[in-house]
Amino acid sequence: MEMEDFERIVGRTEKCSLKTTTRMAWGKGEDVEDLHVLSPSSILEFIHMCSYKFLKNNVGYNMIPVILDIDMRFISPTPVGMMVIVEITVEKVERNVITISFKVFDELEKVAEGRMRSIIVSKGYLRRRIDEKTSQFV
């Protein structure tokens, strides 16, 4: 798929849902462990999973979406055990950089919102960069 073809996904929206589990709670040694509340890192992971799946299905076989940056505002805590829904919308495409807005809801209300940018790169490019770094590290 050519980079200019990415324009066709502007305005598209995708929703993903997930039942939260104790594995997603704030962890041991933290003051909130006994509250059984969904951790911020679990919310970020779910946003990433939803956007990655959507972009991967829309950018072509050998292309990989890589997060450039993410800006998120937490609004309300979510008790573990609730269903969480992430809604992503593609706002804009500039060459191979895709801007996505997202909203996160639990069963009662919006719990987070924000924006992220992902860059679309070829799998070959990503492999070369990993190999370069690996060779310098060893």
N, C-alpha and C. Protein backbone atom coordinates (compact mmCIF):
# COMPACT_ATOMS: atom_id res chain seq x y z
N MET A 1 0.84 -1.17 0.00
CA MET A 1 0.00 0.00 0.00
C MET A 1 0.88 1.24 0.00
N GLU A 2 0.53 2.20 -0.81
CA GLU A 2 1.27 3.46 -0.89
C GLU A 2 0.88 4.37 0.27
N MET A 3 1.81 5.26 0.67
CA MET A 3 1.56 6.17 1.78
C MET A 3 0.32 7.02 1.54
N GLU A 4 0.11 7.49 0.32
CA GLU A 4 -1.05 8.34 0.06
C GLU A 4 -2.37 7.59 0.25
N ASP A 5 -2.34 6.28 0.20
CA ASP A 5 -3.55 5.49 0.42
C ASP A 5 -4.01 5.53 1.87
N PHE A 6 -3.15 5.95 2.79
CA PHE A 6 -3.53 6.03 4.19
C PHE A 6 -4.64 7.05 4.42
N GLU A 7 -4.75 8.04 3.52
CA GLU A 7 -5.78 9.07 3.64
C GLU A 7 -7.18 8.47 3.74
N ARG A 8 -7.39 7.31 3.16
CA ARG A 8 -8.73 6.72 3.12
C ARG A 8 -9.25 6.33 4.50
N ILE A 9 -8.38 6.26 5.50
CA ILE A 9 -8.85 5.87 6.83
C ILE A 9 -9.19 7.07 7.73
N VAL A 10 -8.96 8.30 7.24
CA VAL A 10 -9.29 9.49 8.03
C VAL A 10 -10.80 9.49 8.31
N GLY A 11 -11.14 9.72 9.57
CA GLY A 11 -12.54 9.74 9.98
C GLY A 11 -13.09 8.39 10.42
N ARG A 12 -12.35 7.33 10.15
CA ARG A 12 -12.82 6.00 10.56
C ARG A 12 -12.70 5.83 12.07
N THR A 13 -13.66 5.11 12.63
CA THR A 13 -13.72 4.86 14.07
C THR A 13 -13.75 3.35 14.31
N GLU A 14 -13.11 2.95 15.38
CA GLU A 14 -13.08 1.53 15.77
C GLU A 14 -13.30 1.45 17.27
N LYS A 15 -14.03 0.42 17.71
CA LYS A 15 -14.22 0.18 19.13
C LYS A 15 -13.69 -1.20 19.49
N CYS A 16 -13.07 -1.27 20.66
CA CYS A 16 -12.58 -2.54 21.20
C CYS A 16 -13.07 -2.63 22.64
N SER A 17 -13.43 -3.82 23.06
CA SER A 17 -13.87 -3.99 24.45
C SER A 17 -13.09 -5.11 25.11
N LEU A 18 -12.99 -5.00 26.43
CA LEU A 18 -12.20 -5.96 27.20
C LEU A 18 -12.73 -6.02 28.62
N LYS A 19 -12.89 -7.22 29.14
CA LYS A 19 -13.26 -7.41 30.55
C LYS A 19 -11.97 -7.33 31.37
N THR A 20 -11.94 -6.43 32.33
CA THR A 20 -10.73 -6.26 33.14
C THR A 20 -10.58 -7.42 34.13
N THR A 21 -9.32 -7.71 34.45
CA THR A 21 -9.00 -8.80 35.37
C THR A 21 -8.03 -8.30 36.45
N THR A 22 -7.82 -9.12 37.46
CA THR A 22 -6.90 -8.73 38.54
C THR A 22 -5.48 -8.53 38.03
N ARG A 23 -5.12 -9.19 36.93
CA ARG A 23 -3.79 -9.00 36.34
C ARG A 23 -3.58 -7.54 35.90
N MET A 24 -4.67 -6.82 35.66
CA MET A 24 -4.60 -5.45 35.17
C MET A 24 -4.64 -4.40 36.30
N ALA A 25 -4.72 -4.86 37.54
CA ALA A 25 -4.81 -3.95 38.68
C ALA A 25 -3.44 -3.36 39.00
N TRP A 26 -3.47 -2.21 39.69
CA TRP A 26 -2.22 -1.67 40.21
C TRP A 26 -1.58 -2.73 41.07
N GLY A 27 -0.27 -2.85 40.96
CA GLY A 27 0.44 -4.00 41.51
C GLY A 27 0.90 -3.89 42.94
N LYS A 28 1.61 -4.92 43.32
CA LYS A 28 2.13 -5.07 44.68
C LYS A 28 3.06 -3.92 45.05
N GLY A 29 3.04 -3.60 46.31
CA GLY A 29 3.93 -2.56 46.81
C GLY A 29 3.42 -1.16 46.57
N GLU A 30 2.26 -1.03 45.95
CA GLU A 30 1.70 0.29 45.71
C GLU A 30 0.58 0.55 46.71
N ASP A 31 0.40 1.79 47.09
CA ASP A 31 -0.58 2.16 48.11
C ASP A 31 -2.02 1.81 47.73
N VAL A 32 -2.28 1.61 46.45
CA VAL A 32 -3.66 1.37 45.99
C VAL A 32 -3.94 -0.10 45.71
N GLU A 33 -3.01 -0.99 46.04
CA GLU A 33 -3.17 -2.41 45.72
C GLU A 33 -4.49 -2.97 46.24
N ASP A 34 -4.89 -2.61 47.44
CA ASP A 34 -6.11 -3.15 48.03
C ASP A 34 -7.39 -2.54 47.46
N LEU A 35 -7.26 -1.54 46.59
CA LEU A 35 -8.44 -0.91 45.98
C LEU A 35 -8.95 -1.68 44.77
N HIS A 36 -8.12 -2.56 44.20
CA HIS A 36 -8.50 -3.36 43.02
C HIS A 36 -8.98 -2.45 41.88
N VAL A 37 -8.12 -1.51 41.53
CA VAL A 37 -8.44 -0.53 40.50
C VAL A 37 -7.55 -0.77 39.27
N LEU A 38 -8.10 -0.54 38.10
CA LEU A 38 -7.37 -0.72 36.85
C LEU A 38 -6.17 0.21 36.80
N SER A 39 -5.00 -0.32 36.44
CA SER A 39 -3.78 0.49 36.42
C SER A 39 -3.72 1.35 35.15
N PRO A 40 -3.08 2.52 35.26
CA PRO A 40 -2.89 3.36 34.07
C PRO A 40 -2.12 2.64 32.96
N SER A 41 -1.15 1.82 33.33
CA SER A 41 -0.39 1.11 32.30
C SER A 41 -1.26 0.10 31.55
N SER A 42 -2.23 -0.50 32.23
CA SER A 42 -3.15 -1.43 31.56
C SER A 42 -4.04 -0.69 30.58
N ILE A 43 -4.48 0.51 30.95
CA ILE A 43 -5.28 1.32 30.03
C ILE A 43 -4.45 1.67 28.79
N LEU A 44 -3.22 2.10 28.99
CA LEU A 44 -2.34 2.41 27.86
C LEU A 44 -2.11 1.19 26.96
N GLU A 45 -1.91 0.05 27.58
CA GLU A 45 -1.70 -1.18 26.81
C GLU A 45 -2.93 -1.52 25.96
N PHE A 46 -4.11 -1.32 26.52
CA PHE A 46 -5.34 -1.62 25.79
C PHE A 46 -5.54 -0.64 24.63
N ILE A 47 -5.25 0.65 24.86
CA ILE A 47 -5.32 1.65 23.78
C ILE A 47 -4.36 1.26 22.66
N HIS A 48 -3.14 0.89 23.03
CA HIS A 48 -2.14 0.48 22.04
C HIS A 48 -2.63 -0.74 21.26
N MET A 49 -3.15 -1.74 21.96
CA MET A 49 -3.61 -2.96 21.31
C MET A 49 -4.73 -2.65 20.30
N CYS A 50 -5.67 -1.82 20.69
CA CYS A 50 -6.80 -1.49 19.82
C CYS A 50 -6.34 -0.70 18.59
N SER A 51 -5.50 0.30 18.80
CA SER A 51 -5.03 1.11 17.67
C SER A 51 -4.11 0.30 16.75
N TYR A 52 -3.25 -0.53 17.33
CA TYR A 52 -2.35 -1.35 16.53
C TYR A 52 -3.14 -2.30 15.63
N LYS A 53 -4.13 -2.96 16.22
CA LYS A 53 -4.96 -3.90 15.46
C LYS A 53 -5.67 -3.17 14.31
N PHE A 54 -6.26 -2.03 14.60
CA PHE A 54 -6.95 -1.27 13.57
C PHE A 54 -6.00 -0.83 12.46
N LEU A 55 -4.87 -0.23 12.85
CA LEU A 55 -3.92 0.26 11.84
C LEU A 55 -3.32 -0.89 11.04
N LYS A 56 -2.94 -1.95 11.72
CA LYS A 56 -2.34 -3.11 11.03
C LYS A 56 -3.29 -3.66 9.98
N ASN A 57 -4.58 -3.68 10.28
CA ASN A 57 -5.57 -4.17 9.32
C ASN A 57 -5.81 -3.21 8.17
N ASN A 58 -5.28 -1.99 8.26
CA ASN A 58 -5.57 -0.98 7.24
C ASN A 58 -4.35 -0.42 6.53
N VAL A 59 -3.14 -0.84 6.88
CA VAL A 59 -1.95 -0.24 6.26
C VAL A 59 -1.14 -1.20 5.39
N GLY A 60 -1.49 -2.44 5.34
CA GLY A 60 -0.77 -3.35 4.46
C GLY A 60 0.08 -4.37 5.20
N TYR A 61 0.37 -5.44 4.50
CA TYR A 61 1.01 -6.62 5.07
C TYR A 61 2.36 -6.36 5.71
N ASN A 62 3.26 -5.70 5.01
CA ASN A 62 4.62 -5.51 5.52
C ASN A 62 4.84 -4.16 6.20
N MET A 63 3.77 -3.49 6.57
CA MET A 63 3.87 -2.19 7.23
C MET A 63 3.53 -2.36 8.71
N ILE A 64 4.26 -1.62 9.56
CA ILE A 64 4.10 -1.74 11.01
C ILE A 64 3.81 -0.35 11.60
N PRO A 65 2.72 -0.22 12.38
CA PRO A 65 2.49 1.05 13.09
C PRO A 65 3.31 1.09 14.37
N VAL A 66 4.04 2.19 14.56
CA VAL A 66 4.88 2.38 15.74
C VAL A 66 4.47 3.68 16.41
N ILE A 67 4.16 3.63 17.70
CA ILE A 67 3.72 4.84 18.41
C ILE A 67 4.87 5.84 18.50
N LEU A 68 4.57 7.08 18.10
CA LEU A 68 5.53 8.18 18.25
C LEU A 68 5.34 8.87 19.59
N ASP A 69 4.09 9.21 19.90
CA ASP A 69 3.81 9.86 21.17
C ASP A 69 2.34 9.63 21.53
N ILE A 70 2.06 9.82 22.82
CA ILE A 70 0.71 9.64 23.32
C ILE A 70 0.48 10.66 24.43
N ASP A 71 -0.70 11.27 24.41
CA ASP A 71 -1.09 12.25 25.42
C ASP A 71 -2.44 11.78 25.97
N MET A 72 -2.48 11.48 27.27
CA MET A 72 -3.70 10.92 27.83
C MET A 72 -4.07 11.64 29.12
N ARG A 73 -5.35 11.88 29.28
CA ARG A 73 -5.89 12.47 30.50
C ARG A 73 -6.77 11.43 31.17
N PHE A 74 -6.44 11.12 32.43
CA PHE A 74 -7.27 10.21 33.22
C PHE A 74 -8.40 11.02 33.85
N ILE A 75 -9.60 10.45 33.81
CA ILE A 75 -10.78 11.16 34.30
C ILE A 75 -11.36 10.50 35.54
N SER A 76 -11.38 9.16 35.56
CA SER A 76 -12.05 8.46 36.65
C SER A 76 -11.45 7.05 36.80
N PRO A 77 -11.37 6.53 38.04
CA PRO A 77 -10.86 5.17 38.23
C PRO A 77 -11.88 4.12 37.79
N THR A 78 -11.36 2.95 37.41
CA THR A 78 -12.21 1.82 37.02
C THR A 78 -11.91 0.64 37.93
N PRO A 79 -12.93 0.13 38.62
CA PRO A 79 -12.72 -1.07 39.43
C PRO A 79 -12.44 -2.29 38.55
N VAL A 80 -11.53 -3.13 38.97
CA VAL A 80 -11.24 -4.37 38.26
C VAL A 80 -12.52 -5.21 38.22
N GLY A 81 -12.77 -5.83 37.08
CA GLY A 81 -13.96 -6.63 36.88
C GLY A 81 -14.94 -5.98 35.91
N MET A 82 -14.82 -4.67 35.72
CA MET A 82 -15.69 -3.96 34.78
C MET A 82 -15.22 -4.18 33.35
N MET A 83 -16.14 -4.04 32.43
CA MET A 83 -15.83 -4.03 31.00
C MET A 83 -15.29 -2.63 30.65
N VAL A 84 -14.27 -2.58 29.80
CA VAL A 84 -13.70 -1.33 29.33
C VAL A 84 -13.82 -1.29 27.81
N ILE A 85 -14.19 -0.14 27.29
CA ILE A 85 -14.32 0.05 25.84
C ILE A 85 -13.40 1.19 25.42
N VAL A 86 -12.60 0.94 24.40
CA VAL A 86 -11.76 1.97 23.80
C VAL A 86 -12.36 2.30 22.44
N GLU A 87 -12.55 3.59 22.20
CA GLU A 87 -13.02 4.06 20.90
C GLU A 87 -11.94 4.93 20.30
N ILE A 88 -11.43 4.52 19.13
CA ILE A 88 -10.39 5.30 18.46
C ILE A 88 -10.97 5.89 17.18
N THR A 89 -10.50 7.10 16.83
CA THR A 89 -10.90 7.76 15.58
C THR A 89 -9.66 8.31 14.92
N VAL A 90 -9.48 8.00 13.64
CA VAL A 90 -8.35 8.56 12.88
C VAL A 90 -8.69 10.00 12.54
N GLU A 91 -7.89 10.92 13.06
CA GLU A 91 -8.14 12.34 12.84
C GLU A 91 -7.44 12.89 11.62
N LYS A 92 -6.19 12.47 11.42
CA LYS A 92 -5.45 13.03 10.28
C LYS A 92 -4.29 12.13 9.92
N VAL A 93 -3.89 12.28 8.65
CA VAL A 93 -2.74 11.56 8.12
C VAL A 93 -1.83 12.57 7.45
N GLU A 94 -0.57 12.57 7.84
CA GLU A 94 0.45 13.39 7.19
C GLU A 94 1.58 12.46 6.78
N ARG A 95 1.65 12.22 5.47
CA ARG A 95 2.58 11.24 4.92
C ARG A 95 2.37 9.89 5.61
N ASN A 96 3.31 9.44 6.42
CA ASN A 96 3.15 8.15 7.10
C ASN A 96 2.93 8.29 8.61
N VAL A 97 2.48 9.47 9.04
CA VAL A 97 2.17 9.70 10.45
C VAL A 97 0.65 9.84 10.59
N ILE A 98 0.09 9.00 11.47
CA ILE A 98 -1.36 8.96 11.65
C ILE A 98 -1.69 9.43 13.07
N THR A 99 -2.58 10.44 13.14
CA THR A 99 -3.03 10.96 14.43
C THR A 99 -4.38 10.35 14.76
N ILE A 100 -4.47 9.80 15.96
CA ILE A 100 -5.68 9.13 16.43
C ILE A 100 -6.13 9.76 17.74
N SER A 101 -7.43 10.05 17.85
CA SER A 101 -7.98 10.43 19.14
C SER A 101 -8.61 9.18 19.75
N PHE A 102 -8.66 9.14 21.07
CA PHE A 102 -9.27 7.99 21.72
C PHE A 102 -10.05 8.41 22.96
N LYS A 103 -11.06 7.61 23.26
CA LYS A 103 -11.84 7.74 24.48
C LYS A 103 -11.93 6.35 25.10
N VAL A 104 -11.83 6.31 26.41
CA VAL A 104 -11.92 5.04 27.14
C VAL A 104 -13.09 5.14 28.11
N PHE A 105 -13.95 4.13 28.08
CA PHE A 105 -15.13 4.10 28.94
C PHE A 105 -15.13 2.81 29.76
N ASP A 106 -15.62 2.89 30.99
CA ASP A 106 -15.98 1.67 31.69
C ASP A 106 -17.50 1.52 31.56
N GLU A 107 -18.11 0.68 32.33
CA GLU A 107 -19.55 0.43 32.18
C GLU A 107 -20.41 1.60 32.62
N LEU A 108 -19.81 2.58 33.30
CA LEU A 108 -20.59 3.69 33.83
C LEU A 108 -20.27 5.05 33.22
N GLU A 109 -19.00 5.27 32.82
CA GLU A 109 -18.62 6.62 32.38
C GLU A 109 -17.31 6.61 31.61
N LYS A 110 -16.98 7.78 31.05
CA LYS A 110 -15.68 7.96 30.40
C LYS A 110 -14.61 8.01 31.48
N VAL A 111 -13.51 7.26 31.27
CA VAL A 111 -12.45 7.20 32.28
C VAL A 111 -11.12 7.79 31.80
N ALA A 112 -10.98 7.96 30.48
CA ALA A 112 -9.76 8.55 29.95
C ALA A 112 -10.02 9.02 28.51
N GLU A 113 -9.17 9.94 28.05
CA GLU A 113 -9.25 10.40 26.67
C GLU A 113 -7.89 10.97 26.28
N GLY A 114 -7.67 11.07 24.98
CA GLY A 114 -6.40 11.64 24.55
C GLY A 114 -6.16 11.47 23.06
N ARG A 115 -4.90 11.68 22.69
CA ARG A 115 -4.46 11.58 21.30
C ARG A 115 -3.14 10.84 21.26
N MET A 116 -2.92 10.19 20.14
CA MET A 116 -1.64 9.54 19.91
C MET A 116 -1.27 9.70 18.44
N ARG A 117 0.01 9.62 18.17
CA ARG A 117 0.49 9.61 16.80
C ARG A 117 1.31 8.35 16.60
N SER A 118 1.06 7.70 15.47
CA SER A 118 1.83 6.51 15.09
C SER A 118 2.45 6.77 13.74
N ILE A 119 3.65 6.26 13.56
CA ILE A 119 4.31 6.33 12.26
C ILE A 119 4.24 4.94 11.65
N ILE A 120 3.99 4.90 10.36
CA ILE A 120 3.89 3.62 9.65
C ILE A 120 5.22 3.40 8.93
N VAL A 121 5.88 2.29 9.27
CA VAL A 121 7.18 1.96 8.67
C VAL A 121 7.11 0.55 8.12
N SER A 122 8.03 0.27 7.21
CA SER A 122 8.06 -1.10 6.67
C SER A 122 8.69 -2.03 7.71
N LYS A 123 8.30 -3.27 7.63
CA LYS A 123 8.87 -4.28 8.52
C LYS A 123 10.38 -4.39 8.28
N GLY A 124 10.80 -4.25 7.02
CA GLY A 124 12.23 -4.29 6.69
C GLY A 124 13.00 -3.17 7.36
N TYR A 125 12.43 -1.94 7.36
CA TYR A 125 13.07 -0.81 8.01
C TYR A 125 13.23 -1.08 9.51
N LEU A 126 12.15 -1.55 10.12
CA LEU A 126 12.20 -1.84 11.55
C LEU A 126 13.24 -2.91 11.87
N ARG A 127 13.31 -3.94 11.04
CA ARG A 127 14.29 -5.02 11.23
C ARG A 127 15.72 -4.47 11.12
N ARG A 128 15.97 -3.61 10.11
CA ARG A 128 17.31 -3.02 9.95
C ARG A 128 17.71 -2.20 11.17
N ARG A 129 16.77 -1.38 11.69
CA ARG A 129 17.06 -0.55 12.87
C ARG A 129 17.36 -1.43 14.10
N ILE A 130 16.59 -2.50 14.26
CA ILE A 130 16.81 -3.41 15.39
C ILE A 130 18.17 -4.09 15.24
N ASP A 131 18.48 -4.55 14.04
CA ASP A 131 19.77 -5.20 13.80
C ASP A 131 20.94 -4.25 14.05
N GLU A 132 20.80 -2.98 13.63
CA GLU A 132 21.85 -1.98 13.87
C GLU A 132 22.11 -1.81 15.37
N LYS A 133 21.05 -1.66 16.11
CA LYS A 133 21.20 -1.46 17.56
C LYS A 133 21.74 -2.72 18.23
N THR A 134 21.26 -3.88 17.81
CA THR A 134 21.73 -5.13 18.39
C THR A 134 23.22 -5.31 18.15
N SER A 135 23.68 -4.99 16.94
CA SER A 135 25.10 -5.17 16.62
C SER A 135 25.97 -4.22 17.44
N GLN A 136 25.48 -3.05 17.80
CA GLN A 136 26.24 -2.10 18.61
C GLN A 136 26.22 -2.47 20.08
N PHE A 137 25.21 -3.20 20.48
CA PHE A 137 25.04 -3.56 21.89
C PHE A 137 25.89 -4.76 22.28
N VAL A 138 26.05 -5.70 21.36
CA VAL A 138 26.73 -6.96 21.65
C VAL A 138 28.18 -6.78 21.76
